[in-house]
Amino acid sequence: MNLSTSFYRYLALLSYAGLLILVASWNFVVVEDTPYSGLFIFLVYILPLLLPLKGIIQAKPYTHAWANFIVMFYLLHGFTISYAEPALRVYGIIEIVLSTLMFIGCSFFARKRGRELNLGLKKLKQEMQEERDRFKGV
């Protein structure tokens, strides 16, 4: 693995772990009086972060790419909390920073590692030529 690729992998991994720890501690330790049950908090806030855990640990580029869809929820949540809840603004800003770092790390890792493994999509011209060659042989 290239040095810059491993940098983005560790950036994604560390910000992912930080976001997971932040969300869990925020919802179960910091906020004392919540109208929601622990099961609801787990299902809505923590479970989506656990879905890409295996692929992120195993450094799979595809998992890093689709994990960005999940992290957008936490980015939006951080912006909403920062704006709407002045008492929790610090946690919202930390969530924004960690979500942004995870997005950058996952995006660049997926792109660079995918190129290293030659997992990219073929260009249309190349695809058309391969299809012509396949049908000429028949």
N, C-alpha and C. Protein backbone atom coordinates (compact mmCIF):
# COMPACT_ATOMS: atom_id res chain seq x y z
N MET A 1 0.85 -1.17 0.00
CA MET A 1 0.00 0.00 0.00
C MET A 1 0.90 1.24 0.00
N ASN A 2 0.56 2.18 -0.83
CA ASN A 2 1.30 3.42 -0.96
C ASN A 2 1.24 4.21 0.35
N LEU A 3 2.21 5.10 0.58
CA LEU A 3 2.26 5.87 1.81
C LEU A 3 1.07 6.82 1.94
N SER A 4 0.72 7.52 0.85
CA SER A 4 -0.43 8.43 0.92
C SER A 4 -1.74 7.66 1.07
N THR A 5 -1.81 6.48 0.48
CA THR A 5 -3.00 5.65 0.64
C THR A 5 -3.16 5.22 2.09
N SER A 6 -2.06 4.82 2.73
CA SER A 6 -2.16 4.40 4.13
C SER A 6 -2.46 5.60 5.03
N PHE A 7 -1.99 6.80 4.66
CA PHE A 7 -2.34 8.00 5.43
C PHE A 7 -3.85 8.21 5.44
N TYR A 8 -4.48 8.12 4.26
CA TYR A 8 -5.93 8.30 4.19
C TYR A 8 -6.67 7.16 4.86
N ARG A 9 -6.11 5.97 4.84
CA ARG A 9 -6.73 4.85 5.54
C ARG A 9 -6.76 5.12 7.04
N TYR A 10 -5.63 5.57 7.59
CA TYR A 10 -5.58 5.84 9.03
C TYR A 10 -6.40 7.07 9.39
N LEU A 11 -6.46 8.05 8.51
CA LEU A 11 -7.33 9.20 8.75
C LEU A 11 -8.78 8.74 8.84
N ALA A 12 -9.21 7.91 7.91
CA ALA A 12 -10.58 7.39 7.92
C ALA A 12 -10.82 6.52 9.16
N LEU A 13 -9.87 5.68 9.48
CA LEU A 13 -10.02 4.76 10.61
C LEU A 13 -10.08 5.51 11.95
N LEU A 14 -9.19 6.46 12.14
CA LEU A 14 -9.16 7.20 13.41
C LEU A 14 -10.38 8.11 13.57
N SER A 15 -10.77 8.78 12.49
CA SER A 15 -11.94 9.65 12.59
C SER A 15 -13.22 8.81 12.75
N TYR A 16 -13.25 7.63 12.15
CA TYR A 16 -14.38 6.72 12.34
C TYR A 16 -14.49 6.29 13.80
N ALA A 17 -13.36 5.89 14.37
CA ALA A 17 -13.35 5.47 15.78
C ALA A 17 -13.73 6.65 16.68
N GLY A 18 -13.21 7.82 16.38
CA GLY A 18 -13.54 9.00 17.17
C GLY A 18 -15.02 9.35 17.09
N LEU A 19 -15.58 9.24 15.89
CA LEU A 19 -17.00 9.53 15.72
C LEU A 19 -17.86 8.52 16.46
N LEU A 20 -17.47 7.26 16.42
CA LEU A 20 -18.21 6.22 17.12
C LEU A 20 -18.16 6.44 18.64
N ILE A 21 -16.99 6.77 19.15
CA ILE A 21 -16.85 7.03 20.58
C ILE A 21 -17.63 8.29 20.98
N LEU A 22 -17.54 9.33 20.16
CA LEU A 22 -18.25 10.58 20.45
C LEU A 22 -19.76 10.36 20.50
N VAL A 23 -20.30 9.69 19.50
CA VAL A 23 -21.75 9.48 19.44
C VAL A 23 -22.23 8.63 20.60
N ALA A 24 -21.48 7.57 20.91
CA ALA A 24 -21.89 6.70 22.03
C ALA A 24 -21.82 7.44 23.36
N SER A 25 -20.71 8.13 23.61
CA SER A 25 -20.58 8.82 24.90
C SER A 25 -21.53 10.01 24.99
N TRP A 26 -21.75 10.70 23.89
CA TRP A 26 -22.65 11.85 23.87
C TRP A 26 -24.07 11.42 24.26
N ASN A 27 -24.54 10.34 23.64
CA ASN A 27 -25.92 9.93 23.86
C ASN A 27 -26.14 9.15 25.14
N PHE A 28 -25.13 8.49 25.66
CA PHE A 28 -25.32 7.69 26.85
C PHE A 28 -24.73 8.29 28.12
N VAL A 29 -23.77 9.22 27.99
CA VAL A 29 -23.12 9.78 29.18
C VAL A 29 -23.43 11.26 29.34
N VAL A 30 -23.24 12.04 28.30
CA VAL A 30 -23.38 13.50 28.40
C VAL A 30 -24.82 13.93 28.59
N VAL A 31 -25.70 13.44 27.73
CA VAL A 31 -27.11 13.81 27.81
C VAL A 31 -27.77 12.91 28.85
N GLU A 32 -28.13 13.52 29.97
CA GLU A 32 -28.68 12.72 31.07
C GLU A 32 -30.18 12.51 30.95
N ASP A 33 -30.90 13.54 30.61
CA ASP A 33 -32.36 13.46 30.56
C ASP A 33 -32.82 13.47 29.11
N THR A 34 -33.05 12.31 28.57
CA THR A 34 -33.48 12.20 27.18
C THR A 34 -34.85 11.54 27.12
N PRO A 35 -35.70 11.97 26.21
CA PRO A 35 -37.02 11.34 26.08
C PRO A 35 -36.98 10.01 25.34
N TYR A 36 -35.83 9.63 24.82
CA TYR A 36 -35.72 8.42 24.01
C TYR A 36 -35.15 7.26 24.82
N SER A 37 -35.53 6.06 24.45
CA SER A 37 -35.01 4.87 25.12
C SER A 37 -33.60 4.57 24.62
N GLY A 38 -32.90 3.77 25.37
CA GLY A 38 -31.55 3.36 24.98
C GLY A 38 -31.55 2.57 23.69
N LEU A 39 -32.56 1.75 23.48
CA LEU A 39 -32.66 0.97 22.25
C LEU A 39 -32.85 1.88 21.04
N PHE A 40 -33.69 2.89 21.17
CA PHE A 40 -33.91 3.82 20.08
C PHE A 40 -32.63 4.57 19.74
N ILE A 41 -31.92 5.04 20.76
CA ILE A 41 -30.66 5.75 20.53
C ILE A 41 -29.65 4.83 19.85
N PHE A 42 -29.60 3.58 20.28
CA PHE A 42 -28.67 2.63 19.65
C PHE A 42 -29.04 2.41 18.18
N LEU A 43 -30.31 2.18 17.91
CA LEU A 43 -30.73 1.89 16.54
C LEU A 43 -30.56 3.08 15.59
N VAL A 44 -30.80 4.29 16.07
CA VAL A 44 -30.76 5.45 15.19
C VAL A 44 -29.37 6.07 15.11
N TYR A 45 -28.65 6.14 16.21
CA TYR A 45 -27.37 6.86 16.23
C TYR A 45 -26.14 5.97 16.14
N ILE A 46 -26.17 4.78 16.70
CA ILE A 46 -24.96 3.96 16.77
C ILE A 46 -24.93 2.85 15.73
N LEU A 47 -26.04 2.19 15.50
CA LEU A 47 -26.07 1.08 14.54
C LEU A 47 -25.64 1.48 13.13
N PRO A 48 -26.06 2.63 12.59
CA PRO A 48 -25.56 2.99 11.26
C PRO A 48 -24.04 3.10 11.19
N LEU A 49 -23.41 3.53 12.27
CA LEU A 49 -21.95 3.60 12.28
C LEU A 49 -21.30 2.22 12.37
N LEU A 50 -22.01 1.26 12.91
CA LEU A 50 -21.45 -0.09 13.04
C LEU A 50 -21.54 -0.89 11.74
N LEU A 51 -22.40 -0.47 10.82
CA LEU A 51 -22.57 -1.23 9.57
C LEU A 51 -21.27 -1.36 8.76
N PRO A 52 -20.50 -0.30 8.55
CA PRO A 52 -19.28 -0.47 7.76
C PRO A 52 -18.05 -0.87 8.58
N LEU A 53 -18.22 -1.24 9.84
CA LEU A 53 -17.07 -1.53 10.72
C LEU A 53 -16.14 -2.59 10.15
N LYS A 54 -16.67 -3.72 9.72
CA LYS A 54 -15.84 -4.83 9.24
C LYS A 54 -15.04 -4.42 8.00
N GLY A 55 -15.70 -3.76 7.05
CA GLY A 55 -15.01 -3.37 5.82
C GLY A 55 -13.99 -2.28 6.03
N ILE A 56 -14.25 -1.39 6.97
CA ILE A 56 -13.27 -0.34 7.25
C ILE A 56 -12.05 -0.92 7.95
N ILE A 57 -12.26 -1.85 8.85
CA ILE A 57 -11.12 -2.50 9.51
C ILE A 57 -10.32 -3.32 8.51
N GLN A 58 -10.99 -3.98 7.57
CA GLN A 58 -10.30 -4.80 6.57
C GLN A 58 -9.77 -3.98 5.39
N ALA A 59 -9.96 -2.67 5.40
CA ALA A 59 -9.45 -1.75 4.38
C ALA A 59 -10.01 -2.05 3.00
N LYS A 60 -11.31 -2.26 2.92
CA LYS A 60 -11.95 -2.50 1.63
C LYS A 60 -12.36 -1.17 1.02
N PRO A 61 -11.90 -0.87 -0.19
CA PRO A 61 -12.21 0.42 -0.80
C PRO A 61 -13.70 0.64 -1.04
N TYR A 62 -14.41 -0.40 -1.41
CA TYR A 62 -15.84 -0.26 -1.69
C TYR A 62 -16.60 0.15 -0.42
N THR A 63 -16.24 -0.45 0.71
CA THR A 63 -16.89 -0.11 1.98
C THR A 63 -16.60 1.33 2.36
N HIS A 64 -15.36 1.77 2.14
CA HIS A 64 -15.02 3.16 2.43
C HIS A 64 -15.84 4.10 1.56
N ALA A 65 -16.10 3.71 0.33
CA ALA A 65 -16.86 4.58 -0.56
C ALA A 65 -18.31 4.72 -0.10
N TRP A 66 -18.97 3.62 0.24
CA TRP A 66 -20.38 3.75 0.64
C TRP A 66 -20.55 4.19 2.09
N ALA A 67 -19.49 4.12 2.89
CA ALA A 67 -19.58 4.64 4.26
C ALA A 67 -19.78 6.15 4.25
N ASN A 68 -19.40 6.80 3.16
CA ASN A 68 -19.61 8.25 3.05
C ASN A 68 -21.09 8.61 3.06
N PHE A 69 -21.93 7.74 2.56
CA PHE A 69 -23.37 8.00 2.61
C PHE A 69 -23.86 8.02 4.06
N ILE A 70 -23.32 7.15 4.87
CA ILE A 70 -23.71 7.08 6.27
C ILE A 70 -23.19 8.29 7.04
N VAL A 71 -21.97 8.69 6.76
CA VAL A 71 -21.35 9.79 7.52
C VAL A 71 -22.05 11.12 7.24
N MET A 72 -22.74 11.23 6.14
CA MET A 72 -23.46 12.48 5.85
C MET A 72 -24.58 12.74 6.86
N PHE A 73 -25.16 11.68 7.39
CA PHE A 73 -26.17 11.83 8.45
C PHE A 73 -25.57 12.50 9.68
N TYR A 74 -24.37 12.10 10.05
CA TYR A 74 -23.72 12.65 11.23
C TYR A 74 -23.24 14.08 10.97
N LEU A 75 -22.85 14.38 9.77
CA LEU A 75 -22.47 15.75 9.43
C LEU A 75 -23.69 16.67 9.55
N LEU A 76 -24.80 16.23 9.01
CA LEU A 76 -26.03 17.00 9.11
C LEU A 76 -26.49 17.14 10.56
N HIS A 77 -26.36 16.08 11.33
CA HIS A 77 -26.72 16.12 12.74
C HIS A 77 -25.83 17.12 13.49
N GLY A 78 -24.55 17.13 13.19
CA GLY A 78 -23.64 18.07 13.84
C GLY A 78 -23.99 19.51 13.52
N PHE A 79 -24.32 19.80 12.25
CA PHE A 79 -24.72 21.16 11.88
C PHE A 79 -26.01 21.55 12.59
N THR A 80 -26.95 20.63 12.66
CA THR A 80 -28.23 20.93 13.30
C THR A 80 -28.06 21.21 14.79
N ILE A 81 -27.28 20.39 15.47
CA ILE A 81 -27.05 20.57 16.90
C ILE A 81 -26.29 21.87 17.16
N SER A 82 -25.30 22.15 16.32
CA SER A 82 -24.51 23.38 16.49
C SER A 82 -25.37 24.63 16.36
N TYR A 83 -26.35 24.56 15.50
CA TYR A 83 -27.22 25.72 15.28
C TYR A 83 -28.35 25.80 16.31
N ALA A 84 -28.95 24.67 16.62
CA ALA A 84 -30.19 24.67 17.40
C ALA A 84 -29.98 24.57 18.92
N GLU A 85 -28.90 23.96 19.35
CA GLU A 85 -28.66 23.73 20.78
C GLU A 85 -27.36 24.40 21.24
N PRO A 86 -27.44 25.63 21.73
CA PRO A 86 -26.21 26.31 22.16
C PRO A 86 -25.45 25.57 23.27
N ALA A 87 -26.15 24.85 24.12
CA ALA A 87 -25.49 24.13 25.20
C ALA A 87 -24.66 22.95 24.69
N LEU A 88 -25.03 22.40 23.55
CA LEU A 88 -24.33 21.24 22.98
C LEU A 88 -23.50 21.60 21.75
N ARG A 89 -23.26 22.88 21.55
CA ARG A 89 -22.56 23.35 20.34
C ARG A 89 -21.17 22.73 20.20
N VAL A 90 -20.45 22.57 21.30
CA VAL A 90 -19.10 22.00 21.23
C VAL A 90 -19.14 20.58 20.68
N TYR A 91 -20.10 19.79 21.13
CA TYR A 91 -20.22 18.42 20.65
C TYR A 91 -20.60 18.40 19.17
N GLY A 92 -21.45 19.33 18.77
CA GLY A 92 -21.82 19.43 17.36
C GLY A 92 -20.63 19.77 16.49
N ILE A 93 -19.79 20.68 16.95
CA ILE A 93 -18.61 21.07 16.17
C ILE A 93 -17.62 19.91 16.09
N ILE A 94 -17.44 19.19 17.18
CA ILE A 94 -16.56 18.02 17.15
C ILE A 94 -17.11 16.98 16.18
N GLU A 95 -18.42 16.80 16.18
CA GLU A 95 -19.04 15.85 15.25
C GLU A 95 -18.84 16.29 13.81
N ILE A 96 -18.94 17.58 13.55
CA ILE A 96 -18.71 18.10 12.19
C ILE A 96 -17.28 17.83 11.76
N VAL A 97 -16.32 18.11 12.64
CA VAL A 97 -14.91 17.91 12.30
C VAL A 97 -14.61 16.43 12.03
N LEU A 98 -15.07 15.56 12.93
CA LEU A 98 -14.82 14.12 12.75
C LEU A 98 -15.51 13.58 11.50
N SER A 99 -16.72 14.03 11.23
CA SER A 99 -17.44 13.58 10.03
C SER A 99 -16.73 14.04 8.77
N THR A 100 -16.24 15.27 8.78
CA THR A 100 -15.52 15.79 7.62
C THR A 100 -14.22 15.03 7.39
N LEU A 101 -13.49 14.78 8.47
CA LEU A 101 -12.24 14.02 8.34
C LEU A 101 -12.50 12.61 7.86
N MET A 102 -13.56 11.99 8.35
CA MET A 102 -13.89 10.64 7.90
C MET A 102 -14.28 10.65 6.43
N PHE A 103 -15.05 11.65 6.02
CA PHE A 103 -15.44 11.74 4.61
C PHE A 103 -14.21 11.89 3.72
N ILE A 104 -13.30 12.77 4.09
CA ILE A 104 -12.08 12.97 3.30
C ILE A 104 -11.24 11.70 3.27
N GLY A 105 -11.04 11.10 4.44
CA GLY A 105 -10.23 9.88 4.51
C GLY A 105 -10.83 8.74 3.71
N CYS A 106 -12.13 8.53 3.85
CA CYS A 106 -12.78 7.43 3.12
C CYS A 106 -12.77 7.69 1.62
N SER A 107 -13.04 8.91 1.21
CA SER A 107 -13.09 9.23 -0.22
C SER A 107 -11.74 9.01 -0.88
N PHE A 108 -10.70 9.59 -0.30
CA PHE A 108 -9.39 9.47 -0.92
C PHE A 108 -8.83 8.07 -0.81
N PHE A 109 -9.11 7.37 0.30
CA PHE A 109 -8.63 5.99 0.42
C PHE A 109 -9.31 5.12 -0.64
N ALA A 110 -10.61 5.25 -0.80
CA ALA A 110 -11.33 4.43 -1.78
C ALA A 110 -10.78 4.69 -3.18
N ARG A 111 -10.53 5.93 -3.49
CA ARG A 111 -10.03 6.27 -4.83
C ARG A 111 -8.61 5.74 -5.05
N LYS A 112 -7.72 6.01 -4.10
CA LYS A 112 -6.33 5.60 -4.28
C LYS A 112 -6.16 4.08 -4.21
N ARG A 113 -6.82 3.46 -3.25
CA ARG A 113 -6.69 1.99 -3.12
C ARG A 113 -7.37 1.28 -4.29
N GLY A 114 -8.48 1.83 -4.74
CA GLY A 114 -9.14 1.26 -5.92
C GLY A 114 -8.25 1.30 -7.14
N ARG A 115 -7.51 2.39 -7.31
CA ARG A 115 -6.56 2.48 -8.44
C ARG A 115 -5.40 1.52 -8.26
N GLU A 116 -4.92 1.37 -7.03
CA GLU A 116 -3.83 0.42 -6.78
C GLU A 116 -4.26 -1.01 -7.11
N LEU A 117 -5.50 -1.34 -6.79
CA LEU A 117 -6.01 -2.69 -7.04
C LEU A 117 -6.65 -2.83 -8.42
N ASN A 118 -6.63 -1.74 -9.20
CA ASN A 118 -7.21 -1.72 -10.54
C ASN A 118 -8.70 -2.08 -10.51
N LEU A 119 -9.43 -1.45 -9.59
CA LEU A 119 -10.85 -1.72 -9.43
C LEU A 119 -11.73 -0.68 -10.12
N GLY A 120 -11.12 0.28 -10.80
CA GLY A 120 -11.88 1.37 -11.39
C GLY A 120 -12.80 0.90 -12.51
N LEU A 121 -13.73 1.75 -12.85
CA LEU A 121 -14.62 1.48 -13.97
C LEU A 121 -13.88 1.67 -15.28
N LYS A 122 -14.17 0.84 -16.24
CA LYS A 122 -13.53 0.97 -17.53
C LYS A 122 -14.13 2.15 -18.28
N LYS A 123 -13.33 2.73 -19.14
CA LYS A 123 -13.83 3.82 -19.98
C LYS A 123 -14.77 3.22 -21.01
N LEU A 124 -15.73 4.01 -21.44
CA LEU A 124 -16.74 3.54 -22.38
C LEU A 124 -16.11 3.05 -23.68
N LYS A 125 -15.10 3.75 -24.15
CA LYS A 125 -14.42 3.36 -25.39
C LYS A 125 -13.80 1.97 -25.26
N GLN A 126 -13.16 1.71 -24.13
CA GLN A 126 -12.55 0.40 -23.89
C GLN A 126 -13.62 -0.67 -23.77
N GLU A 127 -14.70 -0.36 -23.09
CA GLU A 127 -15.81 -1.31 -22.91
C GLU A 127 -16.44 -1.67 -24.26
N MET A 128 -16.65 -0.66 -25.11
CA MET A 128 -17.23 -0.90 -26.43
C MET A 128 -16.31 -1.77 -27.29
N GLN A 129 -15.01 -1.51 -27.22
CA GLN A 129 -14.06 -2.31 -28.00
C GLN A 129 -14.06 -3.76 -27.54
N GLU A 130 -14.09 -4.00 -26.25
CA GLU A 130 -14.14 -5.37 -25.74
C GLU A 130 -15.43 -6.07 -26.16
N GLU A 131 -16.52 -5.34 -26.19
CA GLU A 131 -17.79 -5.93 -26.62
C GLU A 131 -17.77 -6.27 -28.11
N ARG A 132 -17.20 -5.37 -28.93
CA ARG A 132 -17.07 -5.67 -30.37
C ARG A 132 -16.20 -6.90 -30.59
N ASP A 133 -15.08 -6.97 -29.87
CA ASP A 133 -14.20 -8.11 -30.02
C ASP A 133 -14.88 -9.41 -29.60
N ARG A 134 -15.70 -9.35 -28.59
CA ARG A 134 -16.40 -10.53 -28.10
C ARG A 134 -17.42 -11.03 -29.13
N PHE A 135 -18.13 -10.11 -29.78
CA PHE A 135 -19.14 -10.51 -30.75
C PHE A 135 -18.56 -10.85 -32.12
N LYS A 136 -17.38 -10.35 -32.44
CA LYS A 136 -16.74 -10.72 -33.70
C LYS A 136 -16.30 -12.16 -33.69
N GLY A 137 -15.93 -12.65 -32.50
CA GLY A 137 -15.47 -14.03 -32.37
C GLY A 137 -16.61 -15.03 -32.47
N VAL A 138 -17.86 -14.59 -32.32
CA VAL A 138 -19.00 -15.51 -32.32
C VAL A 138 -19.47 -15.79 -33.70
